[in-house]
Amino acid sequence: MKAWLVTWEWGNDAAAVDGRILCGHNPWLHARIVSEFKVQSDDNTGLETISWKEPDAYKPGDEGPIKTSNGPLRQIVWRIDGPLSSESIWDRAKRTFKPGWGPGESPPRRLG
């Protein structure tokens, strides 16, 4: 399957922000048409895996584009339960998930 994929990229954790981004250069939005787009959910671990193949790279040639490399395969894994962004469940200082949010753990239940 081919799909448009838009990801939120940044150079390092110093550029990470909570909430939305409207524009910017670090972090930035990266949109491209990808192939082999797949979403797999694992109810036992609570994880979802999204995988795709990036576009091949080309350079200009005298008789048209010349392929320089195959597009790499990529994937992202995150929790099915909880927020779409891991920012609120990730402890940047300890570089690990907050208690209850790691793989195989159960998120805390809300009371009320």
Protein backbone atom coordinates (compact mmCIF):
# COMPACT_ATOMS: atom_id res chain seq x y z
CA MET A 1 0.00 0.00 0.00
CA LYS A 2 1.23 3.52 -0.75
CA ALA A 3 0.41 6.33 1.67
CA TRP A 4 1.40 9.85 2.62
CA LEU A 5 3.36 9.72 5.87
CA VAL A 6 3.92 12.84 7.95
CA THR A 7 6.28 12.51 10.90
CA TRP A 8 7.46 15.00 13.49
CA GLU A 9 11.26 15.05 13.51
CA TRP A 10 13.86 16.79 15.66
CA GLY A 11 17.63 16.78 16.02
CA ASN A 12 17.81 15.93 19.72
CA ASP A 13 15.80 15.91 22.96
CA ALA A 14 16.52 19.61 23.56
CA ALA A 15 14.08 20.41 20.73
CA ALA A 16 11.25 18.17 22.01
CA VAL A 17 8.04 20.04 22.88
CA ASP A 18 4.60 19.14 24.41
CA GLY A 19 1.45 19.77 22.37
CA ARG A 20 1.10 20.78 18.65
CA ILE A 21 3.53 22.30 16.18
CA LEU A 22 2.30 24.75 13.59
CA CYS A 23 5.59 25.36 11.80
CA GLY A 24 9.28 25.38 12.57
CA HIS A 25 12.67 24.09 11.65
CA ASN A 26 13.63 22.04 14.72
CA PRO A 27 11.40 20.12 15.30
CA TRP A 28 10.05 19.89 11.75
CA LEU A 29 7.39 18.01 9.79
CA HIS A 30 8.54 15.60 7.08
CA ALA A 31 5.94 14.51 4.49
CA ARG A 32 6.63 11.93 1.79
CA ILE A 33 4.91 9.16 -0.16
CA VAL A 34 5.96 5.78 1.24
CA SER A 35 5.26 2.17 0.21
CA GLU A 36 4.76 -1.10 2.10
CA PHE A 37 2.90 0.83 4.83
CA LYS A 38 1.71 -1.59 7.58
CA VAL A 39 0.15 -1.22 11.03
CA GLN A 40 0.29 -4.19 13.42
CA SER A 41 -1.21 -4.26 16.92
CA ASP A 42 -0.28 -6.68 19.70
CA ASP A 43 -2.95 -6.79 22.41
CA ASN A 44 -0.72 -8.94 24.65
CA THR A 45 2.06 -6.35 24.91
CA GLY A 46 -0.09 -3.26 24.30
CA LEU A 47 2.27 -2.18 21.50
CA GLU A 48 1.52 -1.03 17.95
CA THR A 49 4.13 -1.23 15.18
CA ILE A 50 3.98 0.95 12.09
CA SER A 51 6.42 0.08 9.31
CA TRP A 52 7.08 1.49 5.85
CA LYS A 53 9.62 1.74 3.04
CA GLU A 54 11.06 5.18 2.35
CA PRO A 55 11.31 6.37 -1.27
CA ASP A 56 14.39 5.40 -3.30
CA ALA A 57 17.04 8.15 -3.74
CA TYR A 58 17.85 9.54 -7.19
CA LYS A 59 20.23 12.07 -8.71
CA PRO A 60 19.98 13.95 -12.02
CA GLY A 61 21.56 12.25 -15.02
CA ASP A 62 22.08 13.25 -18.65
CA GLU A 63 19.30 10.90 -19.78
CA GLY A 64 17.04 11.24 -16.73
CA PRO A 65 17.14 10.36 -13.04
CA ILE A 66 19.70 7.81 -11.83
CA LYS A 67 18.88 5.69 -8.78
CA THR A 68 21.57 6.12 -6.10
CA SER A 69 20.16 3.94 -3.31
CA ASN A 70 17.17 1.85 -2.28
CA GLY A 71 14.82 3.43 0.20
CA PRO A 72 15.37 2.09 3.72
CA LEU A 73 12.74 0.19 5.71
CA ARG A 74 11.65 2.07 8.85
CA GLN A 75 9.40 1.37 11.82
CA ILE A 76 7.96 3.05 14.90
CA VAL A 77 6.70 1.16 17.96
CA TRP A 78 4.47 2.75 20.61
CA ARG A 79 1.82 1.92 23.18
CA ILE A 80 -1.74 1.32 21.98
CA ASP A 81 -3.13 2.61 25.32
CA GLY A 82 -2.47 6.15 26.41
CA PRO A 83 -1.54 9.31 24.54
CA LEU A 84 -0.54 9.38 20.87
CA SER A 85 2.69 11.11 21.86
CA SER A 86 5.03 9.35 24.27
CA GLU A 87 6.16 12.76 25.56
CA SER A 88 3.81 12.67 28.58
CA ILE A 89 4.74 9.08 29.53
CA TRP A 90 8.50 9.33 28.83
CA ASP A 91 10.89 10.46 31.55
CA ARG A 92 13.55 12.33 29.56
CA ALA A 93 15.87 12.71 32.57
CA LYS A 94 15.91 8.93 33.22
CA ARG A 95 15.56 8.06 29.50
CA THR A 96 12.83 5.48 30.22
CA PHE A 97 9.05 5.21 30.39
CA LYS A 98 7.36 6.51 33.52
CA PRO A 99 6.14 3.79 35.95
CA GLY A 100 3.29 1.73 34.48
CA TRP A 101 3.83 2.82 30.87
CA GLY A 102 6.71 0.57 29.74
CA PRO A 103 6.21 -2.48 27.49
CA GLY A 104 4.39 -5.22 29.38
CA GLU A 105 3.26 -2.84 32.16
CA SER A 106 -0.30 -1.70 32.80
CA PRO A 107 -1.01 2.02 32.79
CA PRO A 108 -2.39 3.48 36.02
CA ARG A 109 -6.18 3.51 36.23
CA ARG A 110 -8.00 6.81 36.58
CA LEU A 111 -10.26 7.12 39.60
CA GLY A 112 -13.66 8.78 39.34
